[in-house]
């Protein structure tokens, strides 16, 4: 176990190995919709979805370097909300935080 850990660190730091994100984690869309459902907002109200990867430049040695995805920022335009809902996720789609601009919540019966 320790040898695997050391080998992984050596690969990442010395060789500048590029780590890839599995395709199922590319935008955390399913996780975004799950957060909406947990808040009582029907995911069918999403009019627009955009995802931006958060990248960090990693330079393990002079002259070398590579960028890595460390998370995602998802912007959702939701019908009935005054502004966008912004969700930040880790690289593996674990929710970090949610920001709402304006009023947004479950649809009322009179809407």
N, C-alpha and C. Protein backbone atom coordinates (compact mmCIF):
# COMPACT_ATOMS: atom_id res chain seq x y z
N UNK A 1 0.82 -1.19 0.00
CA UNK A 1 0.00 0.00 0.00
C UNK A 1 0.86 1.26 0.00
N UNK A 2 1.86 1.26 0.87
CA UNK A 2 2.74 2.42 0.95
C UNK A 2 3.53 2.60 -0.34
N UNK A 3 3.94 1.48 -0.96
CA UNK A 3 4.67 1.57 -2.23
C UNK A 3 3.80 2.18 -3.32
N UNK A 4 2.51 1.81 -3.34
CA UNK A 4 1.59 2.38 -4.34
C UNK A 4 1.43 3.88 -4.12
N UNK A 5 1.32 4.29 -2.88
CA UNK A 5 1.17 5.70 -2.56
C UNK A 5 2.41 6.48 -3.00
N UNK A 6 3.57 5.95 -2.67
CA UNK A 6 4.83 6.61 -3.05
C UNK A 6 4.96 6.66 -4.56
N UNK A 7 4.62 5.58 -5.23
CA UNK A 7 4.70 5.55 -6.70
C UNK A 7 3.75 6.58 -7.31
N UNK A 8 2.56 6.71 -6.76
CA UNK A 8 1.60 7.69 -7.26
C UNK A 8 2.09 9.11 -7.08
N UNK A 9 2.66 9.40 -5.92
CA UNK A 9 3.20 10.73 -5.66
C UNK A 9 4.37 11.02 -6.59
N UNK A 10 5.25 10.04 -6.74
CA UNK A 10 6.40 10.21 -7.63
C UNK A 10 5.96 10.46 -9.06
N UNK A 11 4.98 9.72 -9.51
CA UNK A 11 4.47 9.89 -10.87
C UNK A 11 3.92 11.29 -11.04
N UNK A 12 3.12 11.74 -10.09
CA UNK A 12 2.51 13.06 -10.19
C UNK A 12 3.49 14.20 -10.06
N UNK A 13 4.44 14.09 -9.15
CA UNK A 13 5.36 15.19 -8.90
C UNK A 13 6.56 15.21 -9.84
N UNK A 14 7.12 14.06 -10.09
CA UNK A 14 8.35 14.01 -10.88
C UNK A 14 8.11 13.87 -12.37
N UNK A 15 7.19 13.04 -12.74
CA UNK A 15 6.99 12.78 -14.17
C UNK A 15 5.93 13.67 -14.78
N UNK A 16 5.18 14.37 -13.96
CA UNK A 16 4.14 15.25 -14.49
C UNK A 16 3.02 14.49 -15.16
N UNK A 17 2.68 13.33 -14.64
CA UNK A 17 1.62 12.51 -15.23
C UNK A 17 0.31 13.28 -15.27
N UNK A 18 -0.39 13.17 -16.35
CA UNK A 18 -1.69 13.82 -16.49
C UNK A 18 -2.74 12.87 -15.92
N UNK A 19 -3.53 13.38 -15.01
CA UNK A 19 -4.63 12.58 -14.49
C UNK A 19 -5.88 12.95 -15.25
N UNK A 20 -6.67 11.98 -15.58
CA UNK A 20 -7.89 12.25 -16.34
C UNK A 20 -9.10 12.05 -15.45
N UNK A 21 -10.15 12.72 -15.79
CA UNK A 21 -11.41 12.61 -15.07
C UNK A 21 -12.29 11.65 -15.85
N UNK A 22 -12.85 10.65 -15.19
CA UNK A 22 -13.74 9.73 -15.90
C UNK A 22 -14.88 10.48 -16.58
N UNK A 23 -15.32 10.02 -17.75
CA UNK A 23 -16.35 10.73 -18.51
C UNK A 23 -17.64 10.99 -17.73
N UNK A 24 -18.00 10.08 -16.82
CA UNK A 24 -19.26 10.29 -16.10
C UNK A 24 -19.19 11.46 -15.13
N UNK A 25 -18.02 12.04 -14.90
CA UNK A 25 -17.87 13.17 -13.99
C UNK A 25 -17.64 14.49 -14.73
N UNK A 26 -17.83 14.52 -16.03
CA UNK A 26 -17.39 15.67 -16.79
C UNK A 26 -18.15 16.97 -16.52
N UNK A 27 -19.37 16.92 -16.07
CA UNK A 27 -20.03 18.19 -15.77
C UNK A 27 -20.88 18.18 -14.50
N UNK A 28 -20.98 17.06 -13.84
CA UNK A 28 -21.74 16.95 -12.58
C UNK A 28 -23.20 17.36 -12.75
N UNK A 29 -23.74 17.18 -13.95
CA UNK A 29 -25.12 17.55 -14.23
C UNK A 29 -26.10 16.78 -13.35
N UNK A 30 -25.92 15.47 -13.26
CA UNK A 30 -26.84 14.65 -12.46
C UNK A 30 -26.82 15.09 -10.99
N UNK A 31 -25.63 15.41 -10.49
CA UNK A 31 -25.52 15.86 -9.10
C UNK A 31 -26.18 17.22 -8.91
N UNK A 32 -26.08 18.09 -9.91
CA UNK A 32 -26.74 19.40 -9.84
C UNK A 32 -28.25 19.23 -9.75
N UNK A 33 -28.79 18.35 -10.57
CA UNK A 33 -30.23 18.12 -10.56
C UNK A 33 -30.67 17.48 -9.24
N UNK A 34 -29.82 16.62 -8.66
CA UNK A 34 -30.15 16.01 -7.37
C UNK A 34 -30.21 17.08 -6.27
N UNK A 35 -29.32 18.07 -6.34
CA UNK A 35 -29.34 19.17 -5.36
C UNK A 35 -30.64 19.96 -5.50
N UNK A 36 -31.06 20.21 -6.74
CA UNK A 36 -32.32 20.92 -6.96
C UNK A 36 -33.50 20.14 -6.38
N UNK A 37 -33.54 18.84 -6.66
CA UNK A 37 -34.63 18.00 -6.13
C UNK A 37 -34.66 18.03 -4.62
N UNK A 38 -33.48 17.98 -3.98
CA UNK A 38 -33.42 18.00 -2.52
C UNK A 38 -33.94 19.33 -1.97
N UNK A 39 -33.82 20.41 -2.77
CA UNK A 39 -34.33 21.72 -2.35
C UNK A 39 -35.78 21.92 -2.74
N UNK A 40 -36.40 20.91 -3.35
CA UNK A 40 -37.80 21.00 -3.73
C UNK A 40 -38.02 21.70 -5.07
N UNK A 41 -36.97 21.82 -5.88
CA UNK A 41 -37.07 22.46 -7.19
C UNK A 41 -37.06 21.38 -8.26
N UNK A 42 -38.08 21.38 -9.10
CA UNK A 42 -38.20 20.39 -10.17
C UNK A 42 -37.11 20.63 -11.22
N UNK A 43 -36.24 19.64 -11.48
CA UNK A 43 -35.18 19.80 -12.48
C UNK A 43 -35.70 20.12 -13.88
N UNK A 44 -36.98 19.83 -14.15
CA UNK A 44 -37.57 20.18 -15.45
C UNK A 44 -37.69 21.69 -15.64
N UNK A 45 -37.54 22.46 -14.56
CA UNK A 45 -37.58 23.92 -14.64
C UNK A 45 -36.26 24.52 -15.13
N UNK A 46 -35.22 23.69 -15.30
CA UNK A 46 -33.92 24.20 -15.78
C UNK A 46 -34.05 24.58 -17.25
N UNK A 47 -33.82 25.86 -17.54
CA UNK A 47 -33.88 26.33 -18.93
C UNK A 47 -32.52 26.27 -19.60
N UNK A 48 -31.47 26.44 -18.80
CA UNK A 48 -30.13 26.43 -19.37
C UNK A 48 -29.16 25.90 -18.33
N UNK A 49 -28.23 25.07 -18.78
CA UNK A 49 -27.20 24.48 -17.92
C UNK A 49 -25.85 24.71 -18.58
N UNK A 50 -24.90 25.22 -17.83
CA UNK A 50 -23.53 25.40 -18.33
C UNK A 50 -22.56 24.95 -17.25
N UNK A 51 -21.50 24.29 -17.66
CA UNK A 51 -20.50 23.80 -16.72
C UNK A 51 -19.12 24.27 -17.16
N UNK A 52 -18.34 24.76 -16.20
CA UNK A 52 -16.98 25.21 -16.47
C UNK A 52 -16.03 24.45 -15.55
N UNK A 53 -15.04 23.76 -16.13
CA UNK A 53 -14.08 23.09 -15.26
C UNK A 53 -13.18 24.11 -14.56
N UNK A 54 -12.86 23.84 -13.31
CA UNK A 54 -11.90 24.66 -12.57
C UNK A 54 -10.55 23.98 -12.74
N UNK A 55 -9.62 24.70 -13.30
CA UNK A 55 -8.30 24.12 -13.57
C UNK A 55 -7.23 24.81 -12.73
N UNK A 56 -6.19 24.06 -12.44
CA UNK A 56 -5.04 24.61 -11.75
C UNK A 56 -3.81 24.20 -12.55
N UNK A 57 -2.87 25.11 -12.70
CA UNK A 57 -1.64 24.80 -13.43
C UNK A 57 -0.65 24.21 -12.45
N UNK A 58 -0.13 23.07 -12.79
CA UNK A 58 0.79 22.33 -11.93
C UNK A 58 2.14 22.30 -12.62
N UNK A 59 3.18 22.80 -11.97
CA UNK A 59 4.52 22.83 -12.56
C UNK A 59 5.47 22.07 -11.66
N UNK A 60 5.64 20.75 -11.92
CA UNK A 60 6.45 19.94 -11.02
C UNK A 60 7.95 20.22 -11.12
N UNK A 61 8.40 20.79 -12.24
CA UNK A 61 9.82 21.08 -12.41
C UNK A 61 9.95 22.20 -13.44
N UNK A 62 11.04 22.95 -13.41
CA UNK A 62 11.21 24.05 -14.37
C UNK A 62 11.09 23.56 -15.82
N UNK A 63 10.34 24.30 -16.60
CA UNK A 63 10.20 23.96 -18.01
C UNK A 63 9.08 22.98 -18.30
N UNK A 64 8.51 22.40 -17.28
CA UNK A 64 7.43 21.43 -17.48
C UNK A 64 6.19 21.89 -16.77
N UNK A 65 5.10 21.34 -17.15
CA UNK A 65 3.88 21.71 -16.47
C UNK A 65 2.67 21.16 -17.16
N UNK A 66 1.58 21.27 -16.48
CA UNK A 66 0.36 20.70 -17.00
C UNK A 66 -0.79 21.24 -16.16
N UNK A 67 -1.96 21.32 -16.77
CA UNK A 67 -3.10 21.78 -16.00
C UNK A 67 -3.96 20.59 -15.60
N UNK A 68 -4.62 20.74 -14.48
CA UNK A 68 -5.44 19.66 -13.95
C UNK A 68 -6.80 20.21 -13.55
N UNK A 69 -7.81 19.40 -13.79
CA UNK A 69 -9.15 19.77 -13.36
C UNK A 69 -9.28 19.46 -11.88
N UNK A 70 -9.68 20.47 -11.11
CA UNK A 70 -9.83 20.28 -9.67
C UNK A 70 -11.29 20.42 -9.22
N UNK A 71 -12.17 20.76 -10.16
CA UNK A 71 -13.58 20.88 -9.83
C UNK A 71 -14.36 21.46 -10.99
N UNK A 72 -15.63 21.72 -10.72
CA UNK A 72 -16.53 22.25 -11.75
C UNK A 72 -17.41 23.32 -11.14
N UNK A 73 -17.70 24.34 -11.93
CA UNK A 73 -18.68 25.35 -11.55
C UNK A 73 -19.84 25.21 -12.52
N UNK A 74 -21.02 24.95 -11.99
CA UNK A 74 -22.21 24.77 -12.82
C UNK A 74 -23.14 25.96 -12.63
N UNK A 75 -23.59 26.51 -13.77
CA UNK A 75 -24.51 27.64 -13.80
C UNK A 75 -25.84 27.13 -14.32
N UNK A 76 -26.89 27.33 -13.55
CA UNK A 76 -28.22 26.88 -13.95
C UNK A 76 -29.17 28.07 -14.00
N UNK A 77 -29.83 28.21 -15.13
CA UNK A 77 -30.90 29.20 -15.28
C UNK A 77 -32.20 28.43 -15.09
N UNK A 78 -32.95 28.80 -14.06
CA UNK A 78 -34.13 28.04 -13.69
C UNK A 78 -35.38 28.90 -13.85
N UNK A 79 -36.37 28.34 -14.50
CA UNK A 79 -37.65 29.03 -14.70
C UNK A 79 -38.24 29.43 -13.35
N UNK A 80 -38.58 30.70 -13.21
CA UNK A 80 -39.17 31.19 -11.97
C UNK A 80 -38.16 31.73 -10.98
N UNK A 81 -36.89 31.66 -11.27
CA UNK A 81 -35.86 32.20 -10.37
C UNK A 81 -35.41 33.56 -10.89
N UNK A 82 -35.11 34.47 -9.96
CA UNK A 82 -34.70 35.82 -10.34
C UNK A 82 -33.30 35.89 -10.94
N UNK A 83 -32.47 34.95 -10.63
CA UNK A 83 -31.09 34.95 -11.12
C UNK A 83 -30.57 33.53 -11.22
N UNK A 84 -29.31 33.39 -11.60
CA UNK A 84 -28.75 32.04 -11.76
C UNK A 84 -28.50 31.35 -10.43
N UNK A 85 -28.49 30.04 -10.48
CA UNK A 85 -28.07 29.22 -9.36
C UNK A 85 -26.69 28.68 -9.74
N UNK A 86 -25.72 28.92 -8.88
CA UNK A 86 -24.34 28.50 -9.16
C UNK A 86 -23.94 27.45 -8.14
N UNK A 87 -23.48 26.31 -8.64
CA UNK A 87 -23.04 25.22 -7.77
C UNK A 87 -21.59 24.91 -8.08
N UNK A 88 -20.81 24.75 -7.02
CA UNK A 88 -19.41 24.35 -7.20
C UNK A 88 -19.23 22.94 -6.68
N UNK A 89 -18.56 22.13 -7.48
CA UNK A 89 -18.32 20.73 -7.15
C UNK A 89 -16.84 20.43 -7.17
N UNK A 90 -16.45 19.39 -6.42
CA UNK A 90 -15.08 18.90 -6.47
C UNK A 90 -14.87 18.16 -7.79
N UNK A 91 -13.68 17.72 -8.01
CA UNK A 91 -13.34 16.97 -9.21
C UNK A 91 -14.20 15.71 -9.36
N UNK A 92 -14.60 15.16 -8.23
CA UNK A 92 -15.41 13.93 -8.25
C UNK A 92 -16.88 14.21 -7.94
N UNK A 93 -17.32 15.41 -8.24
CA UNK A 93 -18.72 15.82 -8.14
C UNK A 93 -19.29 15.80 -6.73
N UNK A 94 -18.48 16.11 -5.75
CA UNK A 94 -18.97 16.30 -4.39
C UNK A 94 -19.28 17.79 -4.25
N UNK A 95 -20.49 18.10 -3.80
CA UNK A 95 -20.93 19.49 -3.70
C UNK A 95 -20.05 20.26 -2.72
N UNK A 96 -19.54 21.40 -3.16
CA UNK A 96 -18.76 22.29 -2.28
C UNK A 96 -19.65 23.40 -1.73
N UNK A 97 -20.34 24.12 -2.63
CA UNK A 97 -21.23 25.17 -2.18
C UNK A 97 -22.22 25.54 -3.27
N UNK A 98 -23.27 26.26 -2.86
CA UNK A 98 -24.33 26.70 -3.75
C UNK A 98 -24.56 28.19 -3.50
N UNK A 99 -24.67 28.95 -4.59
CA UNK A 99 -24.96 30.38 -4.49
C UNK A 99 -26.21 30.66 -5.33
N UNK A 100 -27.12 31.43 -4.76
CA UNK A 100 -28.35 31.79 -5.46
C UNK A 100 -28.41 33.30 -5.50
N UNK A 101 -28.65 33.83 -6.69
CA UNK A 101 -28.78 35.28 -6.83
C UNK A 101 -30.26 35.59 -6.98
N UNK A 102 -30.80 36.31 -6.05
CA UNK A 102 -32.23 36.63 -6.10
C UNK A 102 -33.07 35.53 -5.48
N UNK A 103 -34.39 35.60 -5.73
CA UNK A 103 -35.32 34.64 -5.15
C UNK A 103 -35.40 33.40 -6.02
N UNK A 104 -35.34 32.25 -5.38
CA UNK A 104 -35.47 30.99 -6.10
C UNK A 104 -35.90 29.91 -5.11
N UNK A 105 -36.88 29.15 -5.49
CA UNK A 105 -37.36 28.10 -4.62
C UNK A 105 -38.37 27.24 -5.33
N UNK A 106 -39.03 26.36 -4.60
CA UNK A 106 -40.04 25.50 -5.20
C UNK A 106 -41.15 26.33 -5.84
N UNK A 107 -41.72 25.82 -6.91
CA UNK A 107 -42.82 26.53 -7.60
C UNK A 107 -44.02 26.57 -6.67
N UNK A 108 -44.69 27.72 -6.66
CA UNK A 108 -45.91 27.85 -5.87
C UNK A 108 -47.09 27.37 -6.71
N UNK A 109 -48.18 27.03 -6.06
CA UNK A 109 -49.36 26.51 -6.76
C UNK A 109 -49.95 27.54 -7.71
N UNK A 110 -49.78 28.85 -7.41
CA UNK A 110 -50.35 29.89 -8.26
C UNK A 110 -49.47 30.29 -9.43
N UNK A 111 -48.31 29.67 -9.57
CA UNK A 111 -47.40 30.02 -10.68
C UNK A 111 -47.68 29.17 -11.89
